Every structure is written in structure tokens, then in C-alpha cells.
Amino acid sequence: QRLGLVLVTCLFISALTFVIIRLLPGDFVD
């Protein structure tokens, strides 16, 4: 149960980070 919660939490954090990065205009070089 704890391992399942860890996996779900990691997937959620990864997806949230991906969405936040994709929402930013431009990239680091710009």
C-alpha cells in the first residue's frame, strides 16, 4: 500500500512539473 502511494505521488509530481514547465513561454535560452 505504501509503495503504491509512493508511485502515485511520484507520477503526480512528475506530471505537475511537466505541465508547469510547458506553460512557461519560451525556454531557458530565450
Full PDB file with SEQRES, HELIX, SHEET, SSBOND, CRYST1, ORIGX, SCALE, CONECT and MASTER records, all heavy atoms in Angstrom:
SEQRES   1 A   30  GLN ARG LEU GLY LEU VAL LEU VAL THR CYS LEU PHE ILE          
SEQRES   2 A   30  SER ALA LEU THR PHE VAL ILE ILE ARG LEU LEU PRO GLY          
SEQRES   3 A   30  ASP PHE VAL ASP                                              
HELIX    1 AA1 ARG A    2  LEU A   23  1                                  22    
CRYST1    1.000    1.000    1.000  90.00  90.00  90.00 P 1           1          
ORIGX1      1.000000  0.000000  0.000000        0.00000                         
ORIGX2      0.000000  1.000000  0.000000        0.00000                         
ORIGX3      0.000000  0.000000  1.000000        0.00000                         
SCALE1      1.000000  0.000000  0.000000        0.00000                         
SCALE2      0.000000  1.000000  0.000000        0.00000                         
SCALE3      0.000000  0.000000  1.000000        0.00000                         
ATOM      1  N   GLN A   1       0.829  -1.199   0.000  1.00  0.00           N  
ATOM      2  CA  GLN A   1       0.000   0.000   0.000  1.00  0.00           C  
ATOM      3  C   GLN A   1       0.868   1.256   0.000  1.00  0.00           C  
ATOM      4  O   GLN A   1       0.628   2.191  -0.757  1.00  0.00           O  
ATOM      5  CB  GLN A   1      -0.911  -0.023   1.221  1.00  0.00           C  
ATOM      6  CG  GLN A   1      -1.989   1.014   1.209  1.00  0.00           C  
ATOM      7  CD  GLN A   1      -2.922   0.852   2.412  1.00  0.00           C  
ATOM      8  OE1 GLN A   1      -2.527   0.315   3.452  1.00  0.00           O  
ATOM      9  NE2 GLN A   1      -4.140   1.312   2.276  1.00  0.00           N  
ATOM     10  N   ARG A   2       1.903   1.278   0.826  1.00  0.00           N  
ATOM     11  CA  ARG A   2       2.809   2.431   0.884  1.00  0.00           C  
ATOM     12  C   ARG A   2       3.572   2.589  -0.432  1.00  0.00           C  
ATOM     13  O   ARG A   2       3.766   3.691  -0.921  1.00  0.00           O  
ATOM     14  CB  ARG A   2       3.796   2.282   2.038  1.00  0.00           C  
ATOM     15  CG  ARG A   2       3.135   2.219   3.397  1.00  0.00           C  
ATOM     16  CD  ARG A   2       2.276   3.413   3.686  1.00  0.00           C  
ATOM     17  NE  ARG A   2       3.097   4.559   3.993  1.00  0.00           N  
ATOM     18  CZ  ARG A   2       2.629   5.756   4.294  1.00  0.00           C  
ATOM     19  NH1 ARG A   2       1.332   5.950   4.346  1.00  0.00           N  
ATOM     20  NH2 ARG A   2       3.426   6.745   4.541  1.00  0.00           N  
ATOM     21  N   LEU A   3       4.011   1.481  -1.022  1.00  0.00           N  
ATOM     22  CA  LEU A   3       4.718   1.517  -2.295  1.00  0.00           C  
ATOM     23  C   LEU A   3       3.805   2.056  -3.394  1.00  0.00           C  
ATOM     24  O   LEU A   3       4.228   2.854  -4.235  1.00  0.00           O  
ATOM     25  CB  LEU A   3       5.231   0.124  -2.664  1.00  0.00           C  
ATOM     26  CG  LEU A   3       6.029   0.024  -3.959  1.00  0.00           C  
ATOM     27  CD1 LEU A   3       7.288   0.873  -3.878  1.00  0.00           C  
ATOM     28  CD2 LEU A   3       6.375  -1.416  -4.253  1.00  0.00           C  
ATOM     29  N   GLY A   4       2.556   1.657  -3.376  1.00  0.00           N  
ATOM     30  CA  GLY A   4       1.589   2.165  -4.344  1.00  0.00           C  
ATOM     31  C   GLY A   4       1.380   3.662  -4.195  1.00  0.00           C  
ATOM     32  O   GLY A   4       1.316   4.396  -5.191  1.00  0.00           O  
ATOM     33  N   LEU A   5       1.290   4.134  -2.971  1.00  0.00           N  
ATOM     34  CA  LEU A   5       1.136   5.565  -2.733  1.00  0.00           C  
ATOM     35  C   LEU A   5       2.370   6.346  -3.184  1.00  0.00           C  
ATOM     36  O   LEU A   5       2.255   7.448  -3.716  1.00  0.00           O  
ATOM     37  CB  LEU A   5       0.854   5.832  -1.257  1.00  0.00           C  
ATOM     38  CG  LEU A   5      -0.544   5.445  -0.781  1.00  0.00           C  
ATOM     39  CD1 LEU A   5      -0.641   5.603   0.736  1.00  0.00           C  
ATOM     40  CD2 LEU A   5      -1.597   6.271  -1.462  1.00  0.00           C  
ATOM     41  N   VAL A   6       3.539   5.783  -2.983  1.00  0.00           N  
ATOM     42  CA  VAL A   6       4.774   6.436  -3.434  1.00  0.00           C  
ATOM     43  C   VAL A   6       4.771   6.562  -4.951  1.00  0.00           C  
ATOM     44  O   VAL A   6       5.113   7.611  -5.498  1.00  0.00           O  
ATOM     45  CB  VAL A   6       6.012   5.655  -2.934  1.00  0.00           C  
ATOM     46  CG1 VAL A   6       7.272   6.109  -3.651  1.00  0.00           C  
ATOM     47  CG2 VAL A   6       6.179   5.815  -1.450  1.00  0.00           C  
ATOM     48  N   LEU A   7       4.394   5.514  -5.649  1.00  0.00           N  
ATOM     49  CA  LEU A   7       4.363   5.549  -7.112  1.00  0.00           C  
ATOM     50  C   LEU A   7       3.353   6.570  -7.632  1.00  0.00           C  
ATOM     51  O   LEU A   7       3.652   7.340  -8.547  1.00  0.00           O  
ATOM     52  CB  LEU A   7       4.042   4.160  -7.667  1.00  0.00           C  
ATOM     53  CG  LEU A   7       5.131   3.115  -7.465  1.00  0.00           C  
ATOM     54  CD1 LEU A   7       4.651   1.753  -7.944  1.00  0.00           C  
ATOM     55  CD2 LEU A   7       6.396   3.520  -8.186  1.00  0.00           C  
ATOM     56  N   VAL A   8       2.177   6.597  -7.029  1.00  0.00           N  
ATOM     57  CA  VAL A   8       1.155   7.554  -7.446  1.00  0.00           C  
ATOM     58  C   VAL A   8       1.627   8.983  -7.181  1.00  0.00           C  
ATOM     59  O   VAL A   8       1.465   9.872  -8.029  1.00  0.00           O  
ATOM     60  CB  VAL A   8      -0.184   7.267  -6.730  1.00  0.00           C  
ATOM     61  CG1 VAL A   8      -1.171   8.390  -6.938  1.00  0.00           C  
ATOM     62  CG2 VAL A   8      -0.768   5.948  -7.209  1.00  0.00           C  
ATOM     63  N   THR A   9       2.244   9.205  -6.042  1.00  0.00           N  
ATOM     64  CA  THR A   9       2.745  10.535  -5.703  1.00  0.00           C  
ATOM     65  C   THR A   9       3.835  10.974  -6.676  1.00  0.00           C  
ATOM     66  O   THR A   9       3.834  12.120  -7.142  1.00  0.00           O  
ATOM     67  CB  THR A   9       3.285  10.559  -4.261  1.00  0.00           C  
ATOM     68  OG1 THR A   9       2.245  10.140  -3.381  1.00  0.00           O  
ATOM     69  CG2 THR A   9       3.770  11.935  -3.867  1.00  0.00           C  
ATOM     70  N   CYS A  10       4.755  10.088  -6.999  1.00  0.00           N  
ATOM     71  CA  CYS A  10       5.822  10.423  -7.950  1.00  0.00           C  
ATOM     72  C   CYS A  10       5.258  10.729  -9.331  1.00  0.00           C  
ATOM     73  O   CYS A  10       5.700  11.675  -9.988  1.00  0.00           O  
ATOM     74  CB  CYS A  10       6.830   9.285  -8.040  1.00  0.00           C  
ATOM     75  SG  CYS A  10       7.905   9.171  -6.605  1.00  0.00           S  
ATOM     76  N   LEU A  11       4.297   9.966  -9.778  1.00  0.00           N  
ATOM     77  CA  LEU A  11       3.675  10.226 -11.081  1.00  0.00           C  
ATOM     78  C   LEU A  11       2.958  11.569 -11.079  1.00  0.00           C  
ATOM     79  O   LEU A  11       3.049  12.336 -12.046  1.00  0.00           O  
ATOM     80  CB  LEU A  11       2.701   9.103 -11.439  1.00  0.00           C  
ATOM     81  CG  LEU A  11       3.334   7.792 -11.873  1.00  0.00           C  
ATOM     82  CD1 LEU A  11       2.257   6.725 -12.040  1.00  0.00           C  
ATOM     83  CD2 LEU A  11       4.104   7.972 -13.163  1.00  0.00           C  
ATOM     84  N   PHE A  12       2.249  11.879 -10.005  1.00  0.00           N  
ATOM     85  CA  PHE A  12       1.536  13.151  -9.910  1.00  0.00           C  
ATOM     86  C   PHE A  12       2.502  14.330  -9.916  1.00  0.00           C  
ATOM     87  O   PHE A  12       2.299  15.306 -10.634  1.00  0.00           O  
ATOM     88  CB  PHE A  12       0.679  13.181  -8.637  1.00  0.00           C  
ATOM     89  CG  PHE A  12      -0.020  14.489  -8.433  1.00  0.00           C  
ATOM     90  CD1 PHE A  12      -1.119  14.827  -9.203  1.00  0.00           C  
ATOM     91  CD2 PHE A  12       0.437  15.383  -7.481  1.00  0.00           C  
ATOM     92  CE1 PHE A  12      -1.763  16.046  -9.029  1.00  0.00           C  
ATOM     93  CE2 PHE A  12      -0.200  16.604  -7.297  1.00  0.00           C  
ATOM     94  CZ  PHE A  12      -1.301  16.936  -8.065  1.00  0.00           C  
ATOM     95  N   ILE A  13       3.568  14.243  -9.146  1.00  0.00           N  
ATOM     96  CA  ILE A  13       4.551  15.321  -9.092  1.00  0.00           C  
ATOM     97  C   ILE A  13       5.235  15.487 -10.446  1.00  0.00           C  
ATOM     98  O   ILE A  13       5.461  16.611 -10.906  1.00  0.00           O  
ATOM     99  CB  ILE A  13       5.573  15.070  -7.968  1.00  0.00           C  
ATOM    100  CG1 ILE A  13       4.887  15.217  -6.612  1.00  0.00           C  
ATOM    101  CG2 ILE A  13       6.766  16.012  -8.073  1.00  0.00           C  
ATOM    102  CD1 ILE A  13       5.744  14.816  -5.439  1.00  0.00           C  
ATOM    103  N   SER A  14       5.566  14.394 -11.108  1.00  0.00           N  
ATOM    104  CA  SER A  14       6.192  14.467 -12.429  1.00  0.00           C  
ATOM    105  C   SER A  14       5.263  15.116 -13.447  1.00  0.00           C  
ATOM    106  O   SER A  14       5.695  15.973 -14.227  1.00  0.00           O  
ATOM    107  CB  SER A  14       6.567  13.066 -12.910  1.00  0.00           C  
ATOM    108  OG  SER A  14       7.530  12.504 -12.069  1.00  0.00           O  
ATOM    109  N   ALA A  15       4.002  14.729 -13.444  1.00  0.00           N  
ATOM    110  CA  ALA A  15       3.041  15.313 -14.376  1.00  0.00           C  
ATOM    111  C   ALA A  15       2.828  16.793 -14.096  1.00  0.00           C  
ATOM    112  O   ALA A  15       2.782  17.616 -15.025  1.00  0.00           O  
ATOM    113  CB  ALA A  15       1.709  14.564 -14.302  1.00  0.00           C  
ATOM    114  N   LEU A  16       2.717  17.159 -12.835  1.00  0.00           N  
ATOM    115  CA  LEU A  16       2.531  18.557 -12.470  1.00  0.00           C  
ATOM    116  C   LEU A  16       3.740  19.404 -12.884  1.00  0.00           C  
ATOM    117  O   LEU A  16       3.586  20.491 -13.440  1.00  0.00           O  
ATOM    118  CB  LEU A  16       2.295  18.670 -10.962  1.00  0.00           C  
ATOM    119  CG  LEU A  16       2.010  20.062 -10.435  1.00  0.00           C  
ATOM    120  CD1 LEU A  16       0.707  20.606 -11.016  1.00  0.00           C  
ATOM    121  CD2 LEU A  16       1.947  20.045  -8.916  1.00  0.00           C  
ATOM    122  N   THR A  17       4.931  18.903 -12.650  1.00  0.00           N  
ATOM    123  CA  THR A  17       6.153  19.610 -13.052  1.00  0.00           C  
ATOM    124  C   THR A  17       6.203  19.772 -14.563  1.00  0.00           C  
ATOM    125  O   THR A  17       6.547  20.844 -15.075  1.00  0.00           O  
ATOM    126  CB  THR A  17       7.393  18.853 -12.556  1.00  0.00           C  
ATOM    127  OG1 THR A  17       7.298  18.685 -11.146  1.00  0.00           O  
ATOM    128  CG2 THR A  17       8.665  19.589 -12.905  1.00  0.00           C  
ATOM    129  N   PHE A  18       5.868  18.727 -15.301  1.00  0.00           N  
ATOM    130  CA  PHE A  18       5.867  18.788 -16.758  1.00  0.00           C  
ATOM    131  C   PHE A  18       4.899  19.858 -17.255  1.00  0.00           C  
ATOM    132  O   PHE A  18       5.243  20.671 -18.120  1.00  0.00           O  
ATOM    133  CB  PHE A  18       5.486  17.422 -17.336  1.00  0.00           C  
ATOM    134  CG  PHE A  18       5.388  17.412 -18.828  1.00  0.00           C  
ATOM    135  CD1 PHE A  18       6.532  17.372 -19.602  1.00  0.00           C  
ATOM    136  CD2 PHE A  18       4.153  17.451 -19.457  1.00  0.00           C  
ATOM    137  CE1 PHE A  18       6.447  17.366 -20.984  1.00  0.00           C  
ATOM    138  CE2 PHE A  18       4.051  17.455 -20.829  1.00  0.00           C  
ATOM    139  CZ  PHE A  18       5.204  17.402 -21.596  1.00  0.00           C  
ATOM    140  N   VAL A  19       3.706  19.893 -16.693  1.00  0.00           N  
ATOM    141  CA  VAL A  19       2.698  20.875 -17.114  1.00  0.00           C  
ATOM    142  C   VAL A  19       3.166  22.293 -16.802  1.00  0.00           C  
ATOM    143  O   VAL A  19       3.045  23.194 -17.634  1.00  0.00           O  
ATOM    144  CB  VAL A  19       1.343  20.576 -16.440  1.00  0.00           C  
ATOM    145  CG1 VAL A  19       0.370  21.728 -16.611  1.00  0.00           C  
ATOM    146  CG2 VAL A  19       0.748  19.297 -16.999  1.00  0.00           C  
ATOM    147  N   ILE A  20       3.728  22.500 -15.633  1.00  0.00           N  
ATOM    148  CA  ILE A  20       4.191  23.840 -15.262  1.00  0.00           C  
ATOM    149  C   ILE A  20       5.306  24.298 -16.192  1.00  0.00           C  
ATOM    150  O   ILE A  20       5.316  25.446 -16.648  1.00  0.00           O  
ATOM    151  CB  ILE A  20       4.656  23.859 -13.792  1.00  0.00           C  
ATOM    152  CG1 ILE A  20       3.444  23.743 -12.869  1.00  0.00           C  
ATOM    153  CG2 ILE A  20       5.436  25.134 -13.479  1.00  0.00           C  
ATOM    154  CD1 ILE A  20       3.794  23.565 -11.406  1.00  0.00           C  
ATOM    155  N   ILE A  21       6.237  23.422 -16.511  1.00  0.00           N  
ATOM    156  CA  ILE A  21       7.338  23.786 -17.404  1.00  0.00           C  
ATOM    157  C   ILE A  21       6.820  24.079 -18.805  1.00  0.00           C  
ATOM    158  O   ILE A  21       7.269  25.018 -19.470  1.00  0.00           O  
ATOM    159  CB  ILE A  21       8.403  22.676 -17.420  1.00  0.00           C  
ATOM    160  CG1 ILE A  21       9.133  22.662 -16.088  1.00  0.00           C  
ATOM    161  CG2 ILE A  21       9.383  22.865 -18.561  1.00  0.00           C  
ATOM    162  CD1 ILE A  21      10.098  21.510 -15.916  1.00  0.00           C  
ATOM    163  N   ARG A  22       5.859  23.319 -19.267  1.00  0.00           N  
ATOM    164  CA  ARG A  22       5.332  23.521 -20.618  1.00  0.00           C  
ATOM    165  C   ARG A  22       4.497  24.800 -20.719  1.00  0.00           C  
ATOM    166  O   ARG A  22       4.349  25.358 -21.802  1.00  0.00           O  
ATOM    167  CB  ARG A  22       4.481  22.326 -21.059  1.00  0.00           C  
ATOM    168  CG  ARG A  22       5.227  21.019 -21.173  1.00  0.00           C  
ATOM    169  CD  ARG A  22       6.376  21.074 -22.127  1.00  0.00           C  
ATOM    170  NE  ARG A  22       5.898  21.342 -23.461  1.00  0.00           N  
ATOM    171  CZ  ARG A  22       6.669  21.661 -24.494  1.00  0.00           C  
ATOM    172  NH1 ARG A  22       7.960  21.740 -24.330  1.00  0.00           N  
ATOM    173  NH2 ARG A  22       6.168  21.900 -25.673  1.00  0.00           N  
ATOM    174  N   LEU A  23       3.952  25.288 -19.615  1.00  0.00           N  
ATOM    175  CA  LEU A  23       3.136  26.503 -19.639  1.00  0.00           C  
ATOM    176  C   LEU A  23       3.973  27.770 -19.772  1.00  0.00           C  
ATOM    177  O   LEU A  23       3.473  28.791 -20.229  1.00  0.00           O  
ATOM    178  CB  LEU A  23       2.291  26.597 -18.365  1.00  0.00           C  
ATOM    179  CG  LEU A  23       1.106  25.655 -18.278  1.00  0.00           C  
ATOM    180  CD1 LEU A  23       0.421  25.813 -16.928  1.00  0.00           C  
ATOM    181  CD2 LEU A  23       0.110  25.909 -19.395  1.00  0.00           C  
ATOM    182  N   LEU A  24       5.239  27.701 -19.357  1.00  0.00           N  
ATOM    183  CA  LEU A  24       6.091  28.874 -19.422  1.00  0.00           C  
ATOM    184  C   LEU A  24       6.395  29.227 -20.880  1.00  0.00           C  
ATOM    185  O   LEU A  24       6.709  28.358 -21.678  1.00  0.00           O  
ATOM    186  CB  LEU A  24       7.405  28.623 -18.678  1.00  0.00           C  
ATOM    187  CG  LEU A  24       7.283  28.420 -17.185  1.00  0.00           C  
ATOM    188  CD1 LEU A  24       8.639  28.052 -16.606  1.00  0.00           C  
ATOM    189  CD2 LEU A  24       6.767  29.679 -16.528  1.00  0.00           C  
ATOM    190  N   PRO A  25       6.305  30.522 -21.226  1.00  0.00           N  
ATOM    191  CA  PRO A  25       6.622  30.912 -22.597  1.00  0.00           C  
ATOM    192  C   PRO A  25       8.127  30.867 -22.844  1.00  0.00           C  
ATOM    193  O   PRO A  25       8.920  31.225 -21.967  1.00  0.00           O  
ATOM    194  CB  PRO A  25       6.095  32.347 -22.676  1.00  0.00           C  
ATOM    195  CG  PRO A  25       6.128  32.839 -21.282  1.00  0.00           C  
ATOM    196  CD  PRO A  25       5.873  31.636 -20.418  1.00  0.00           C  
ATOM    197  N   GLY A  26       8.515  30.446 -24.025  1.00  0.00           N  
ATOM    198  CA  GLY A  26       9.931  30.395 -24.372  1.00  0.00           C  
ATOM    199  C   GLY A  26      10.650  29.274 -23.656  1.00  0.00           C  
ATOM    200  O   GLY A  26      10.059  28.335 -23.155  1.00  0.00           O  
ATOM    201  N   ASP A  27      11.975  29.392 -23.637  1.00  0.00           N  
ATOM    202  CA  ASP A  27      12.777  28.419 -22.922  1.00  0.00           C  
ATOM    203  C   ASP A  27      13.883  29.141 -22.163  1.00  0.00           C  
ATOM    204  O   ASP A  27      13.913  30.364 -22.103  1.00  0.00           O  
ATOM    205  CB  ASP A  27      13.353  27.366 -23.874  1.00  0.00           C  
ATOM    206  CG  ASP A  27      14.235  27.983 -24.967  1.00  0.00           C  
ATOM    207  OD1 ASP A  27      14.386  29.208 -24.984  1.00  0.00           O  
ATOM    208  OD2 ASP A  27      14.762  27.220 -25.788  1.00  0.00           O  
ATOM    209  N   PHE A  28      14.779  28.383 -21.585  1.00  0.00           N  
ATOM    210  CA  PHE A  28      15.824  28.979 -20.751  1.00  0.00           C  
ATOM    211  C   PHE A  28      16.720  29.916 -21.551  1.00  0.00           C  
ATOM    212  O   PHE A  28      17.086  30.994 -21.077  1.00  0.00           O  
ATOM    213  CB  PHE A  28      16.663  27.869 -20.107  1.00  0.00           C  
ATOM    214  CG  PHE A  28      17.839  28.409 -19.344  1.00  0.00           C  
ATOM    215  CD1 PHE A  28      17.657  29.022 -18.127  1.00  0.00           C  
ATOM    216  CD2 PHE A  28      19.117  28.315 -19.860  1.00  0.00           C  
ATOM    217  CE1 PHE A  28      18.737  29.539 -17.424  1.00  0.00           C  
ATOM    218  CE2 PHE A  28      20.196  28.832 -19.167  1.00  0.00           C  
ATOM    219  CZ  PHE A  28      20.002  29.434 -17.951  1.00  0.00           C  
ATOM    220  N   VAL A  29      17.069  29.523 -22.765  1.00  0.00           N  
ATOM    221  CA  VAL A  29      17.964  30.346 -23.582  1.00  0.00           C  
ATOM    222  C   VAL A  29      17.306  31.679 -23.919  1.00  0.00           C  
ATOM    223  O   VAL A  29      17.941  32.736 -23.843  1.00  0.00           O  
ATOM    224  CB  VAL A  29      18.392  29.590 -24.858  1.00  0.00           C  
ATOM    225  CG1 VAL A  29      19.239  30.471 -25.757  1.00  0.00           C  
ATOM    226  CG2 VAL A  29      19.136  28.322 -24.495  1.00  0.00           C  
ATOM    227  N   ASP A  30      16.031  31.658 -24.281  1.00  0.00           N  
ATOM    228  CA  ASP A  30      15.311  32.904 -24.579  1.00  0.00           C  
ATOM    229  C   ASP A  30      15.285  33.828 -23.357  1.00  0.00           C  
ATOM    230  O   ASP A  30      15.501  35.036 -23.475  1.00  0.00           O  
ATOM    231  CB  ASP A  30      13.877  32.622 -25.025  1.00  0.00           C  
ATOM    232  CG  ASP A  30      13.810  31.946 -26.382  1.00  0.00           C  
ATOM    233  OD1 ASP A  30      14.757  32.121 -27.178  1.00  0.00           O  
ATOM    234  OD2 ASP A  30      12.813  31.248 -26.631  1.00  0.00           O  
TER     235      ASP A  30                                                      
MASTER        0    0    0    1    0    0    0    6  234    1    0    3          
END                                                                             
